[in-house]
N, C-alpha and C. Protein backbone atom coordinates (compact mmCIF):
# COMPACT_ATOMS: atom_id res chain seq x y z
N MET A 1 93.75 77.12 106.08
CA MET A 1 92.38 76.98 105.59
C MET A 1 91.36 77.29 106.68
N ASN A 2 91.68 76.87 107.92
CA ASN A 2 90.77 77.16 109.03
C ASN A 2 90.59 78.66 109.24
N GLN A 3 91.66 79.43 109.00
CA GLN A 3 91.57 80.87 109.17
C GLN A 3 90.62 81.48 108.15
N TYR A 4 90.67 80.99 106.92
CA TYR A 4 89.78 81.52 105.87
C TYR A 4 88.33 81.14 106.15
N ILE A 5 88.12 79.93 106.68
CA ILE A 5 86.76 79.52 107.04
C ILE A 5 86.23 80.39 108.18
N LYS A 6 87.10 80.68 109.15
CA LYS A 6 86.69 81.53 110.27
C LYS A 6 86.35 82.93 109.80
N ILE A 7 87.16 83.48 108.87
CA ILE A 7 86.88 84.81 108.32
C ILE A 7 85.53 84.83 107.62
N THR A 8 85.25 83.77 106.88
CA THR A 8 83.98 83.67 106.15
C THR A 8 82.80 83.62 107.11
N LYS A 9 82.90 82.79 108.14
CA LYS A 9 81.81 82.66 109.11
C LYS A 9 81.61 83.96 109.88
N ASN A 10 82.71 84.62 110.23
CA ASN A 10 82.59 85.88 110.96
C ASN A 10 81.87 86.94 110.13
N GLY A 11 82.24 87.04 108.86
CA GLY A 11 81.63 88.05 108.01
C GLY A 11 80.17 87.82 107.72
N LEU A 12 79.82 86.57 107.49
CA LEU A 12 78.44 86.26 107.10
C LEU A 12 77.50 86.11 108.29
N TRP A 13 78.04 85.67 109.44
CA TRP A 13 77.13 85.36 110.54
C TRP A 13 77.65 85.79 111.92
N ASN A 14 78.75 85.18 112.37
CA ASN A 14 79.17 85.34 113.77
C ASN A 14 79.46 86.79 114.15
N ASN A 15 80.07 87.54 113.22
CA ASN A 15 80.42 88.93 113.51
C ASN A 15 79.83 89.87 112.47
N ASN A 16 78.64 89.53 112.00
CA ASN A 16 77.96 90.38 111.02
C ASN A 16 77.81 91.79 111.59
N GLN A 17 78.41 92.77 110.91
CA GLN A 17 78.49 94.12 111.46
C GLN A 17 77.12 94.77 111.65
N ALA A 18 76.15 94.38 110.88
CA ALA A 18 74.81 94.97 110.98
C ALA A 18 73.99 94.35 112.10
N LEU A 19 74.28 93.09 112.45
CA LEU A 19 73.47 92.38 113.43
C LEU A 19 74.15 92.20 114.78
N VAL A 20 75.48 92.21 114.79
CA VAL A 20 76.21 92.00 116.03
C VAL A 20 76.76 93.32 116.56
N ALA A 21 77.56 94.00 115.73
CA ALA A 21 78.14 95.28 116.15
C ALA A 21 77.16 96.43 115.97
N LEU A 22 76.10 96.20 115.16
CA LEU A 22 75.09 97.24 114.88
C LEU A 22 75.75 98.50 114.32
N LEU A 23 76.66 98.30 113.36
CA LEU A 23 77.32 99.41 112.70
C LEU A 23 76.69 99.65 111.33
N GLY A 24 76.79 100.88 110.86
CA GLY A 24 76.23 101.23 109.56
C GLY A 24 74.72 101.28 109.54
N LEU A 25 74.10 101.62 110.67
CA LEU A 25 72.65 101.58 110.75
C LEU A 25 71.98 102.71 109.97
N CYS A 26 72.67 103.81 109.77
CA CYS A 26 72.06 104.94 109.07
C CYS A 26 71.61 104.55 107.66
N PRO A 27 72.51 104.06 106.78
CA PRO A 27 72.03 103.63 105.45
C PRO A 27 71.17 102.38 105.53
N LEU A 28 71.47 101.51 106.51
CA LEU A 28 70.71 100.27 106.63
C LEU A 28 69.23 100.54 106.85
N LEU A 29 68.93 101.54 107.66
CA LEU A 29 67.54 101.85 107.98
C LEU A 29 66.91 102.81 106.98
N ALA A 30 67.74 103.61 106.31
CA ALA A 30 67.20 104.68 105.47
C ALA A 30 66.81 104.23 104.07
N VAL A 31 67.58 103.36 103.46
CA VAL A 31 67.35 103.06 102.04
C VAL A 31 66.71 101.70 101.80
N THR A 32 66.39 100.98 102.87
CA THR A 32 65.86 99.63 102.69
C THR A 32 64.35 99.60 102.60
N ASN A 33 63.76 100.60 101.94
CA ASN A 33 62.31 100.56 101.74
C ASN A 33 61.92 99.68 100.57
N ASN A 34 62.90 99.22 99.78
CA ASN A 34 62.64 98.20 98.76
C ASN A 34 63.93 97.43 98.48
N ALA A 35 63.79 96.30 97.81
CA ALA A 35 64.91 95.38 97.61
C ALA A 35 65.97 95.94 96.67
N VAL A 36 65.56 96.67 95.64
CA VAL A 36 66.51 97.18 94.65
C VAL A 36 67.46 98.20 95.27
N ASN A 37 66.92 99.12 96.05
CA ASN A 37 67.78 100.08 96.74
C ASN A 37 68.77 99.38 97.66
N ALA A 38 68.29 98.35 98.36
CA ALA A 38 69.16 97.60 99.28
C ALA A 38 70.28 96.91 98.53
N ILE A 39 69.97 96.30 97.38
CA ILE A 39 70.99 95.60 96.59
C ILE A 39 72.04 96.59 96.09
N ALA A 40 71.59 97.73 95.59
CA ALA A 40 72.51 98.73 95.05
C ALA A 40 73.47 99.24 96.12
N LEU A 41 72.94 99.58 97.29
CA LEU A 41 73.80 100.07 98.36
C LEU A 41 74.71 98.96 98.88
N GLY A 42 74.21 97.73 98.89
CA GLY A 42 75.03 96.60 99.32
C GLY A 42 76.21 96.38 98.41
N ILE A 43 75.99 96.49 97.09
CA ILE A 43 77.08 96.33 96.13
C ILE A 43 78.11 97.43 96.30
N ALA A 44 77.64 98.65 96.46
CA ALA A 44 78.56 99.79 96.64
C ALA A 44 79.39 99.63 97.91
N THR A 45 78.75 99.23 98.99
CA THR A 45 79.46 99.07 100.26
C THR A 45 80.47 97.93 100.19
N THR A 46 80.10 96.84 99.53
CA THR A 46 81.02 95.70 99.38
C THR A 46 82.24 96.09 98.56
N PHE A 47 82.04 96.85 97.49
CA PHE A 47 83.15 97.31 96.67
C PHE A 47 84.13 98.14 97.49
N VAL A 48 83.61 99.05 98.29
CA VAL A 48 84.46 99.91 99.11
C VAL A 48 85.19 99.08 100.17
N LEU A 49 84.50 98.13 100.78
CA LEU A 49 85.12 97.29 101.79
C LEU A 49 86.29 96.50 101.22
N ILE A 50 86.07 95.85 100.09
CA ILE A 50 87.13 95.04 99.49
C ILE A 50 88.31 95.91 99.07
N SER A 51 88.02 97.00 98.37
CA SER A 51 89.08 97.87 97.85
C SER A 51 89.90 98.50 98.96
N SER A 52 89.22 99.03 99.97
CA SER A 52 89.94 99.68 101.07
C SER A 52 90.73 98.67 101.89
N ASN A 53 90.17 97.49 102.12
CA ASN A 53 90.89 96.47 102.88
C ASN A 53 92.18 96.05 102.18
N ILE A 54 92.08 95.82 100.88
CA ILE A 54 93.27 95.40 100.12
C ILE A 54 94.32 96.49 100.14
N THR A 55 93.92 97.72 99.86
CA THR A 55 94.88 98.83 99.79
C THR A 55 95.56 99.06 101.14
N ILE A 56 94.77 99.08 102.19
CA ILE A 56 95.32 99.32 103.53
C ILE A 56 96.25 98.18 103.94
N SER A 57 95.89 96.95 103.59
CA SER A 57 96.74 95.82 103.92
C SER A 57 98.08 95.90 103.20
N ILE A 58 98.07 96.28 101.94
CA ILE A 58 99.30 96.35 101.15
C ILE A 58 100.24 97.41 101.71
N PHE A 59 99.69 98.55 102.10
CA PHE A 59 100.53 99.68 102.55
C PHE A 59 100.58 99.81 104.08
N ARG A 60 100.14 98.78 104.80
CA ARG A 60 100.05 98.90 106.25
C ARG A 60 101.40 99.15 106.92
N ASN A 61 102.46 98.62 106.36
CA ASN A 61 103.78 98.81 106.96
C ASN A 61 104.39 100.17 106.64
N HIS A 62 103.74 100.90 105.75
CA HIS A 62 104.26 102.22 105.35
C HIS A 62 103.42 103.36 105.92
N ILE A 63 102.40 103.02 106.70
CA ILE A 63 101.52 104.03 107.28
C ILE A 63 101.86 104.20 108.76
N SER A 64 102.22 105.39 109.15
CA SER A 64 102.57 105.67 110.54
C SER A 64 101.35 105.50 111.43
N LYS A 65 101.57 104.98 112.63
CA LYS A 65 100.47 104.76 113.56
C LYS A 65 99.78 106.07 113.96
N GLU A 66 100.56 107.16 114.00
CA GLU A 66 100.01 108.44 114.42
C GLU A 66 98.99 109.01 113.44
N VAL A 67 99.11 108.64 112.16
CA VAL A 67 98.22 109.22 111.14
C VAL A 67 97.39 108.15 110.46
N ARG A 68 97.32 106.97 111.04
CA ARG A 68 96.68 105.86 110.34
C ARG A 68 95.18 106.12 110.12
N ILE A 69 94.48 106.68 111.11
CA ILE A 69 93.04 106.90 110.96
C ILE A 69 92.74 107.90 109.85
N PRO A 70 93.39 109.08 109.81
CA PRO A 70 93.14 109.99 108.67
C PRO A 70 93.47 109.37 107.32
N VAL A 71 94.55 108.58 107.27
CA VAL A 71 94.91 107.92 106.01
C VAL A 71 93.85 106.90 105.62
N PHE A 72 93.37 106.13 106.60
CA PHE A 72 92.33 105.15 106.31
C PHE A 72 91.08 105.84 105.77
N VAL A 73 90.67 106.93 106.40
CA VAL A 73 89.49 107.67 105.95
C VAL A 73 89.69 108.21 104.55
N LEU A 74 90.89 108.72 104.26
CA LEU A 74 91.19 109.25 102.93
C LEU A 74 91.10 108.17 101.87
N LEU A 75 91.63 106.99 102.17
CA LEU A 75 91.56 105.89 101.21
C LEU A 75 90.12 105.44 100.99
N ILE A 76 89.37 105.32 102.08
CA ILE A 76 87.96 104.93 101.96
C ILE A 76 87.19 105.95 101.15
N ALA A 77 87.44 107.24 101.41
CA ALA A 77 86.76 108.30 100.67
C ALA A 77 87.09 108.25 99.18
N SER A 78 88.32 107.86 98.86
CA SER A 78 88.71 107.76 97.44
C SER A 78 87.90 106.70 96.73
N PHE A 79 87.73 105.55 97.36
CA PHE A 79 86.96 104.48 96.73
C PHE A 79 85.46 104.80 96.71
N VAL A 80 84.98 105.51 97.71
CA VAL A 80 83.58 105.95 97.67
C VAL A 80 83.36 106.92 96.52
N THR A 81 84.32 107.79 96.27
CA THR A 81 84.22 108.72 95.14
C THR A 81 84.17 107.97 93.82
N ILE A 82 84.97 106.90 93.72
CA ILE A 82 84.97 106.09 92.49
C ILE A 82 83.60 105.47 92.26
N ILE A 83 83.04 104.85 93.30
CA ILE A 83 81.73 104.20 93.14
C ILE A 83 80.64 105.24 92.90
N GLU A 84 80.78 106.41 93.50
CA GLU A 84 79.80 107.47 93.29
C GLU A 84 79.82 107.95 91.84
N LEU A 85 81.00 108.13 91.28
CA LEU A 85 81.12 108.56 89.88
C LEU A 85 80.59 107.49 88.92
N LEU A 86 80.85 106.23 89.25
CA LEU A 86 80.34 105.15 88.42
C LEU A 86 78.82 105.10 88.44
N MET A 87 78.22 105.30 89.61
CA MET A 87 76.77 105.31 89.70
C MET A 87 76.17 106.51 88.97
N GLN A 88 76.84 107.65 89.05
CA GLN A 88 76.36 108.82 88.32
C GLN A 88 76.41 108.59 86.81
N SER A 89 77.39 107.83 86.36
CA SER A 89 77.57 107.60 84.92
C SER A 89 76.63 106.54 84.38
N PHE A 90 76.39 105.47 85.14
CA PHE A 90 75.66 104.33 84.59
C PHE A 90 74.30 104.08 85.27
N PHE A 91 74.12 104.56 86.47
CA PHE A 91 72.86 104.32 87.19
C PHE A 91 72.39 105.63 87.82
N TYR A 92 72.23 106.65 87.00
CA TYR A 92 71.98 107.98 87.52
C TYR A 92 70.66 108.08 88.28
N ASP A 93 69.59 107.48 87.74
CA ASP A 93 68.29 107.54 88.42
C ASP A 93 68.35 106.85 89.78
N LEU A 94 69.04 105.73 89.82
CA LEU A 94 69.19 105.03 91.09
C LEU A 94 70.06 105.83 92.05
N TYR A 95 71.06 106.50 91.52
CA TYR A 95 71.92 107.34 92.34
C TYR A 95 71.12 108.48 92.97
N LEU A 96 70.18 109.04 92.23
CA LEU A 96 69.35 110.11 92.76
C LEU A 96 68.46 109.60 93.89
N ILE A 97 68.00 108.36 93.78
CA ILE A 97 67.15 107.80 94.82
C ILE A 97 67.94 107.56 96.10
N LEU A 98 69.14 107.00 95.95
CA LEU A 98 69.98 106.74 97.12
C LEU A 98 70.49 108.02 97.74
N GLY A 99 70.70 109.03 96.91
CA GLY A 99 71.05 110.36 97.39
C GLY A 99 72.30 110.42 98.24
N ILE A 100 72.17 111.06 99.39
CA ILE A 100 73.31 111.35 100.25
C ILE A 100 73.92 110.08 100.84
N PHE A 101 73.20 108.96 100.80
CA PHE A 101 73.68 107.76 101.48
C PHE A 101 74.80 107.05 100.72
N VAL A 102 75.03 107.42 99.48
CA VAL A 102 76.20 106.90 98.76
C VAL A 102 77.48 107.56 99.29
N PRO A 103 77.61 108.89 99.28
CA PRO A 103 78.81 109.49 99.86
C PRO A 103 78.96 109.24 101.36
N LEU A 104 77.85 108.98 102.05
CA LEU A 104 77.92 108.71 103.48
C LEU A 104 78.54 107.34 103.79
N ILE A 105 78.82 106.54 102.77
CA ILE A 105 79.52 105.28 102.99
C ILE A 105 80.87 105.55 103.65
N VAL A 106 81.42 106.74 103.38
CA VAL A 106 82.70 107.11 103.99
C VAL A 106 82.62 107.04 105.51
N THR A 107 81.51 107.42 106.07
CA THR A 107 81.35 107.48 107.52
C THR A 107 80.84 106.17 108.12
N ASN A 108 80.70 105.14 107.29
CA ASN A 108 80.23 103.85 107.78
C ASN A 108 81.28 103.26 108.72
N CYS A 109 80.94 103.14 109.99
CA CYS A 109 81.91 102.67 110.99
C CYS A 109 82.35 101.24 110.73
N ALA A 110 81.52 100.46 110.04
CA ALA A 110 81.90 99.08 109.75
C ALA A 110 83.12 99.03 108.85
N ILE A 111 83.21 99.93 107.87
CA ILE A 111 84.33 99.94 106.94
C ILE A 111 85.61 100.38 107.64
N LEU A 112 85.54 101.48 108.38
CA LEU A 112 86.70 101.95 109.12
C LEU A 112 87.11 100.94 110.20
N GLY A 113 86.13 100.29 110.80
CA GLY A 113 86.42 99.30 111.83
C GLY A 113 87.19 98.11 111.27
N ARG A 114 86.82 97.63 110.09
CA ARG A 114 87.54 96.51 109.48
C ARG A 114 88.94 96.93 109.05
N ALA A 115 89.07 98.17 108.60
CA ALA A 115 90.40 98.67 108.23
C ALA A 115 91.33 98.69 109.43
N GLU A 116 90.83 99.14 110.56
CA GLU A 116 91.64 99.26 111.77
C GLU A 116 91.86 97.91 112.43
N ALA A 117 90.81 97.11 112.54
CA ALA A 117 90.89 95.87 113.31
C ALA A 117 91.47 94.71 112.52
N PHE A 118 91.35 94.72 111.19
CA PHE A 118 91.76 93.54 110.42
C PHE A 118 92.76 93.87 109.32
N ALA A 119 92.40 94.75 108.40
CA ALA A 119 93.24 94.98 107.23
C ALA A 119 94.63 95.50 107.59
N SER A 120 94.71 96.31 108.63
CA SER A 120 96.00 96.88 109.03
C SER A 120 96.90 95.88 109.74
N LYS A 121 96.39 94.65 109.96
CA LYS A 121 97.15 93.65 110.70
C LYS A 121 97.31 92.33 109.95
N ASN A 122 96.74 92.22 108.76
CA ASN A 122 96.77 90.94 108.04
C ASN A 122 97.18 91.13 106.59
N SER A 123 97.44 90.01 105.92
CA SER A 123 97.86 90.02 104.52
C SER A 123 96.71 90.48 103.64
N TRP A 124 97.06 90.86 102.41
CA TRP A 124 96.03 91.39 101.51
C TRP A 124 95.02 90.32 101.12
N GLY A 125 95.44 89.05 101.04
CA GLY A 125 94.50 87.99 100.68
C GLY A 125 93.43 87.80 101.73
N LYS A 126 93.85 87.75 102.98
CA LYS A 126 92.88 87.62 104.08
C LYS A 126 92.02 88.86 104.19
N SER A 127 92.64 90.02 103.96
CA SER A 127 91.89 91.28 104.04
C SER A 127 90.84 91.37 102.95
N ALA A 128 91.19 90.88 101.75
CA ALA A 128 90.22 90.88 100.66
C ALA A 128 89.04 89.98 100.98
N LEU A 129 89.33 88.79 101.54
CA LEU A 129 88.25 87.87 101.92
C LEU A 129 87.40 88.47 103.03
N ASP A 130 88.06 89.11 104.00
CA ASP A 130 87.32 89.75 105.09
C ASP A 130 86.39 90.84 104.55
N GLY A 131 86.90 91.66 103.63
CA GLY A 131 86.06 92.70 103.04
C GLY A 131 84.89 92.13 102.27
N LEU A 132 85.14 91.04 101.52
CA LEU A 132 84.08 90.41 100.73
C LEU A 132 83.01 89.83 101.64
N MET A 133 83.42 89.08 102.66
CA MET A 133 82.45 88.43 103.53
C MET A 133 81.68 89.44 104.37
N MET A 134 82.39 90.46 104.88
CA MET A 134 81.70 91.49 105.64
C MET A 134 80.71 92.24 104.75
N GLY A 135 81.11 92.49 103.51
CA GLY A 135 80.22 93.16 102.57
C GLY A 135 79.01 92.32 102.23
N LEU A 136 79.23 91.02 102.02
CA LEU A 136 78.10 90.13 101.70
C LEU A 136 77.16 89.99 102.89
N GLY A 137 77.75 89.90 104.10
CA GLY A 137 76.91 89.82 105.29
C GLY A 137 76.06 91.06 105.47
N PHE A 138 76.68 92.23 105.28
CA PHE A 138 75.95 93.49 105.38
C PHE A 138 74.89 93.59 104.29
N SER A 139 75.25 93.17 103.06
CA SER A 139 74.31 93.22 101.94
C SER A 139 73.13 92.29 102.15
N ALA A 140 73.39 91.14 102.76
CA ALA A 140 72.31 90.18 103.01
C ALA A 140 71.27 90.77 103.96
N VAL A 141 71.75 91.47 104.98
CA VAL A 141 70.81 92.11 105.92
C VAL A 141 70.04 93.22 105.21
N LEU A 142 70.75 94.01 104.39
CA LEU A 142 70.09 95.06 103.60
C LEU A 142 68.99 94.47 102.73
N PHE A 143 69.32 93.39 102.02
CA PHE A 143 68.36 92.78 101.10
C PHE A 143 67.18 92.19 101.84
N LEU A 144 67.44 91.49 102.94
CA LEU A 144 66.35 90.88 103.70
C LEU A 144 65.41 91.93 104.25
N LEU A 145 65.98 92.96 104.85
CA LEU A 145 65.15 94.02 105.42
C LEU A 145 64.40 94.77 104.32
N GLY A 146 65.09 95.07 103.21
CA GLY A 146 64.43 95.77 102.10
C GLY A 146 63.31 94.96 101.48
N SER A 147 63.53 93.65 101.33
CA SER A 147 62.51 92.79 100.73
C SER A 147 61.27 92.70 101.61
N VAL A 148 61.49 92.51 102.91
CA VAL A 148 60.36 92.40 103.84
C VAL A 148 59.56 93.70 103.87
N ARG A 149 60.25 94.82 103.93
CA ARG A 149 59.55 96.11 103.97
C ARG A 149 58.80 96.38 102.67
N GLU A 150 59.38 95.99 101.54
CA GLU A 150 58.70 96.21 100.26
C GLU A 150 57.46 95.33 100.14
N ILE A 151 57.58 94.07 100.55
CA ILE A 151 56.44 93.15 100.46
C ILE A 151 55.30 93.61 101.34
N ILE A 152 55.63 93.94 102.60
CA ILE A 152 54.58 94.36 103.53
C ILE A 152 54.06 95.76 103.19
N GLY A 153 54.96 96.63 102.78
CA GLY A 153 54.57 98.01 102.53
C GLY A 153 53.84 98.23 101.23
N ASN A 154 54.28 97.56 100.16
CA ASN A 154 53.70 97.81 98.84
C ASN A 154 53.11 96.58 98.17
N GLY A 155 53.39 95.40 98.71
CA GLY A 155 52.88 94.18 98.08
C GLY A 155 53.61 93.80 96.82
N THR A 156 54.84 94.30 96.65
CA THR A 156 55.64 94.00 95.46
C THR A 156 57.02 93.50 95.89
N LEU A 157 57.79 93.01 94.91
CA LEU A 157 59.17 92.62 95.13
C LEU A 157 59.97 92.92 93.87
N PHE A 158 61.15 93.50 94.05
CA PHE A 158 62.03 93.92 92.95
C PHE A 158 61.37 94.98 92.07
N ASP A 159 60.54 95.80 92.68
CA ASP A 159 59.97 96.91 91.93
C ASP A 159 61.08 97.89 91.56
N GLN A 160 61.00 98.49 90.38
CA GLN A 160 62.00 99.43 89.86
C GLN A 160 63.36 98.77 89.65
N SER A 161 63.37 97.45 89.42
CA SER A 161 64.63 96.76 89.17
C SER A 161 65.29 97.20 87.87
N ALA A 162 64.51 97.83 86.99
CA ALA A 162 65.09 98.33 85.74
C ALA A 162 66.12 99.42 86.00
N LEU A 163 66.01 100.11 87.14
CA LEU A 163 66.99 101.14 87.47
C LEU A 163 68.38 100.55 87.68
N LEU A 164 68.42 99.27 88.08
CA LEU A 164 69.69 98.60 88.34
C LEU A 164 70.14 97.72 87.19
N LEU A 165 69.20 97.06 86.53
CA LEU A 165 69.54 96.09 85.49
C LEU A 165 69.11 96.51 84.10
N GLY A 166 68.54 97.69 83.96
CA GLY A 166 68.09 98.15 82.64
C GLY A 166 66.88 97.37 82.16
N SER A 167 66.85 97.10 80.87
CA SER A 167 65.70 96.41 80.27
C SER A 167 65.56 94.99 80.81
N MET A 168 66.67 94.37 81.21
CA MET A 168 66.58 93.01 81.74
C MET A 168 65.82 92.97 83.06
N GLY A 169 65.84 94.07 83.79
CA GLY A 169 65.19 94.09 85.09
C GLY A 169 63.69 94.32 85.04
N GLU A 170 63.17 94.68 83.88
CA GLU A 170 61.73 94.98 83.79
C GLU A 170 60.88 93.75 84.08
N SER A 171 61.39 92.58 83.72
CA SER A 171 60.62 91.35 83.92
C SER A 171 60.75 90.79 85.34
N LEU A 172 61.61 91.37 86.15
CA LEU A 172 61.83 90.85 87.50
C LEU A 172 60.82 91.37 88.51
N SER A 173 60.20 92.49 88.21
CA SER A 173 59.24 93.07 89.14
C SER A 173 58.03 92.15 89.32
N VAL A 174 57.71 91.88 90.58
CA VAL A 174 56.63 90.95 90.90
C VAL A 174 55.61 91.65 91.79
N THR A 175 54.35 91.52 91.42
CA THR A 175 53.26 92.02 92.27
C THR A 175 52.66 90.84 93.00
N LEU A 176 52.85 90.82 94.30
CA LEU A 176 52.44 89.67 95.10
C LEU A 176 50.97 89.71 95.49
N PHE A 177 50.44 90.90 95.67
CA PHE A 177 49.04 91.03 96.10
C PHE A 177 48.33 92.02 95.20
N ASP A 178 47.28 91.58 94.54
CA ASP A 178 46.47 92.46 93.70
C ASP A 178 45.59 93.35 94.57
N ASN A 179 45.43 94.60 94.12
CA ASN A 179 44.61 95.58 94.84
C ASN A 179 45.03 95.75 96.30
N TYR A 180 46.32 95.62 96.54
CA TYR A 180 46.85 95.77 97.89
C TYR A 180 47.00 97.24 98.22
N GLN A 181 46.43 97.65 99.35
CA GLN A 181 46.44 99.06 99.72
C GLN A 181 47.77 99.49 100.34
N GLY A 182 48.58 98.52 100.75
CA GLY A 182 49.87 98.84 101.33
C GLY A 182 49.79 99.09 102.83
N THR A 183 50.94 98.98 103.47
CA THR A 183 51.07 99.26 104.91
C THR A 183 52.10 100.35 105.08
N LEU A 184 51.63 101.54 105.41
CA LEU A 184 52.51 102.70 105.45
C LEU A 184 53.62 102.54 106.48
N LEU A 185 53.32 101.90 107.60
CA LEU A 185 54.31 101.75 108.66
C LEU A 185 55.56 101.04 108.18
N ALA A 186 55.41 100.09 107.28
CA ALA A 186 56.55 99.29 106.82
C ALA A 186 57.56 100.12 106.03
N VAL A 187 57.11 101.11 105.30
CA VAL A 187 58.02 101.90 104.47
C VAL A 187 58.51 103.16 105.17
N LEU A 188 57.98 103.45 106.35
CA LEU A 188 58.43 104.59 107.12
C LEU A 188 59.57 104.17 108.06
N PRO A 189 60.33 105.13 108.60
CA PRO A 189 61.45 104.79 109.50
C PRO A 189 61.09 103.86 110.65
N PRO A 190 59.94 104.01 111.32
CA PRO A 190 59.63 103.05 112.39
C PRO A 190 59.58 101.61 111.91
N GLY A 191 59.13 101.41 110.67
CA GLY A 191 59.10 100.06 110.12
C GLY A 191 60.49 99.48 109.96
N ALA A 192 61.47 100.34 109.64
CA ALA A 192 62.85 99.87 109.51
C ALA A 192 63.39 99.42 110.86
N PHE A 193 63.12 100.20 111.91
CA PHE A 193 63.59 99.83 113.24
C PHE A 193 62.94 98.52 113.70
N ILE A 194 61.65 98.39 113.48
CA ILE A 194 60.95 97.17 113.89
C ILE A 194 61.48 95.97 113.12
N GLY A 195 61.65 96.13 111.80
CA GLY A 195 62.16 95.03 110.97
C GLY A 195 63.55 94.60 111.38
N LEU A 196 64.44 95.57 111.62
CA LEU A 196 65.80 95.23 112.03
C LEU A 196 65.81 94.54 113.39
N GLY A 197 64.97 95.03 114.30
CA GLY A 197 64.88 94.39 115.61
C GLY A 197 64.44 92.94 115.51
N LEU A 198 63.50 92.65 114.63
CA LEU A 198 63.03 91.28 114.46
C LEU A 198 64.12 90.40 113.86
N ILE A 199 64.91 90.96 112.91
CA ILE A 199 66.00 90.18 112.30
C ILE A 199 67.08 89.87 113.33
N VAL A 200 67.43 90.86 114.15
CA VAL A 200 68.42 90.65 115.21
C VAL A 200 67.91 89.60 116.19
N ALA A 201 66.63 89.68 116.54
CA ALA A 201 66.05 88.70 117.46
C ALA A 201 66.09 87.30 116.86
N LEU A 202 65.81 87.20 115.56
CA LEU A 202 65.84 85.90 114.89
C LEU A 202 67.25 85.31 114.91
N LYS A 203 68.26 86.15 114.65
CA LYS A 203 69.65 85.66 114.70
C LYS A 203 70.01 85.17 116.09
N ASN A 204 69.63 85.94 117.11
CA ASN A 204 69.93 85.54 118.48
C ASN A 204 69.22 84.23 118.84
N LEU A 205 68.01 84.06 118.33
CA LEU A 205 67.27 82.83 118.61
C LEU A 205 67.96 81.63 117.97
N ILE A 206 68.42 81.81 116.72
CA ILE A 206 69.13 80.72 116.04
C ILE A 206 70.42 80.38 116.77
N ASP A 207 71.14 81.42 117.23
CA ASP A 207 72.39 81.18 117.96
C ASP A 207 72.12 80.44 119.26
N LEU A 208 71.01 80.75 119.91
CA LEU A 208 70.70 80.11 121.18
C LEU A 208 70.20 78.68 121.00
N LYS A 209 69.78 78.33 119.80
CA LYS A 209 69.29 76.99 119.55
C LYS A 209 70.40 75.95 119.74
N THR A 210 71.62 76.37 119.45
CA THR A 210 72.75 75.45 119.59
C THR A 210 73.75 76.04 120.56
N ILE A 211 73.92 75.42 121.68
CA ILE A 211 74.86 75.88 122.69
C ILE A 211 76.01 74.88 122.76
N LYS A 212 77.22 75.40 122.58
CA LYS A 212 78.39 74.53 122.65
C LYS A 212 78.92 74.50 124.08
N THR A 213 79.06 73.30 124.58
CA THR A 213 79.61 73.12 125.91
C THR A 213 80.88 72.28 125.82
N THR A 214 81.74 72.41 126.78
CA THR A 214 83.00 71.67 126.80
C THR A 214 82.95 70.60 127.88
N MET A 215 83.23 69.40 127.45
CA MET A 215 83.24 68.27 128.38
C MET A 215 84.62 67.61 128.32
N VAL A 216 84.93 66.84 129.32
CA VAL A 216 86.21 66.14 129.39
C VAL A 216 86.00 64.66 129.12
N ASP A 217 86.72 64.16 128.11
CA ASP A 217 86.66 62.74 127.78
C ASP A 217 87.48 61.97 128.81
N PRO A 218 86.87 61.06 129.56
CA PRO A 218 87.62 60.35 130.62
C PRO A 218 88.72 59.44 130.09
N HIS A 219 88.67 59.09 128.81
CA HIS A 219 89.67 58.18 128.26
C HIS A 219 90.97 58.87 127.90
N ASN A 220 90.91 60.14 127.45
CA ASN A 220 92.14 60.83 127.06
C ASN A 220 92.30 62.21 127.70
N ASN A 221 91.36 62.56 128.61
CA ASN A 221 91.43 63.83 129.32
C ASN A 221 91.52 65.04 128.39
N LYS A 222 90.92 64.95 127.23
CA LYS A 222 90.92 66.05 126.28
C LYS A 222 89.54 66.69 126.24
N ALA A 223 89.54 67.99 126.02
CA ALA A 223 88.27 68.71 125.95
C ALA A 223 87.58 68.36 124.66
N VAL A 224 86.32 68.02 124.74
CA VAL A 224 85.54 67.64 123.58
C VAL A 224 84.36 68.58 123.46
N ALA A 225 84.17 69.19 122.29
CA ALA A 225 83.04 70.09 122.08
C ALA A 225 81.82 69.30 121.70
N THR A 226 80.75 69.47 122.42
CA THR A 226 79.50 68.80 122.11
C THR A 226 78.44 69.84 121.85
N THR A 227 77.39 69.43 121.18
CA THR A 227 76.33 70.34 120.81
C THR A 227 75.02 69.92 121.47
N ILE A 228 74.38 70.85 122.12
CA ILE A 228 73.10 70.59 122.77
C ILE A 228 72.05 71.43 122.10
N ASN A 229 71.01 70.84 121.61
CA ASN A 229 69.91 71.56 121.00
C ASN A 229 68.83 71.82 122.03
N ILE A 230 68.40 73.05 122.12
CA ILE A 230 67.36 73.41 123.08
C ILE A 230 66.18 74.04 122.34
């Protein structure tokens, strides 16, 4: 159980690929000009992460070490093709907006990194959880950055949600500021870099708030973890 808890914490926070390893920055910075685009790409990336992790874990003992990277890329590309065809069939307008960044999921180093570092060395259950948590952690950063940029840039939230949810999404669009002229910097690439930098800084600040130190208990000579808030 401790291993599953550790996998969950690593995916959502401690080893969040977007905030710690800074992987997958191309789609992260390119499509997060609003929340709906961020959610759509997050779902697609999470699907590929889970599917590729499970498949690679199941067949890990049958894949030669010499060809493992090409095989991993081929499997990831297969699942990206599946999600791309599904988006073309059911969310075509949204697919056109996301454009090249859907097939570019294949080149997302976070996905290949998890395949190499985790899925190829662990059981399919742990690999599935790792893919889910890494996907949710990446999606959370996408959503946060997309929401902030949309609010500051356009004064709205969940605009064009009908592209993702159909008629049900029409009521989700919220206009936060009437007669808002918008902030162009927020929706342009520099705004994405600034927003991501602030999110990374916020995570580092939260991590620094609690520093774990190791002390020795004089009664049993065992290391005891204590927490100091600064």
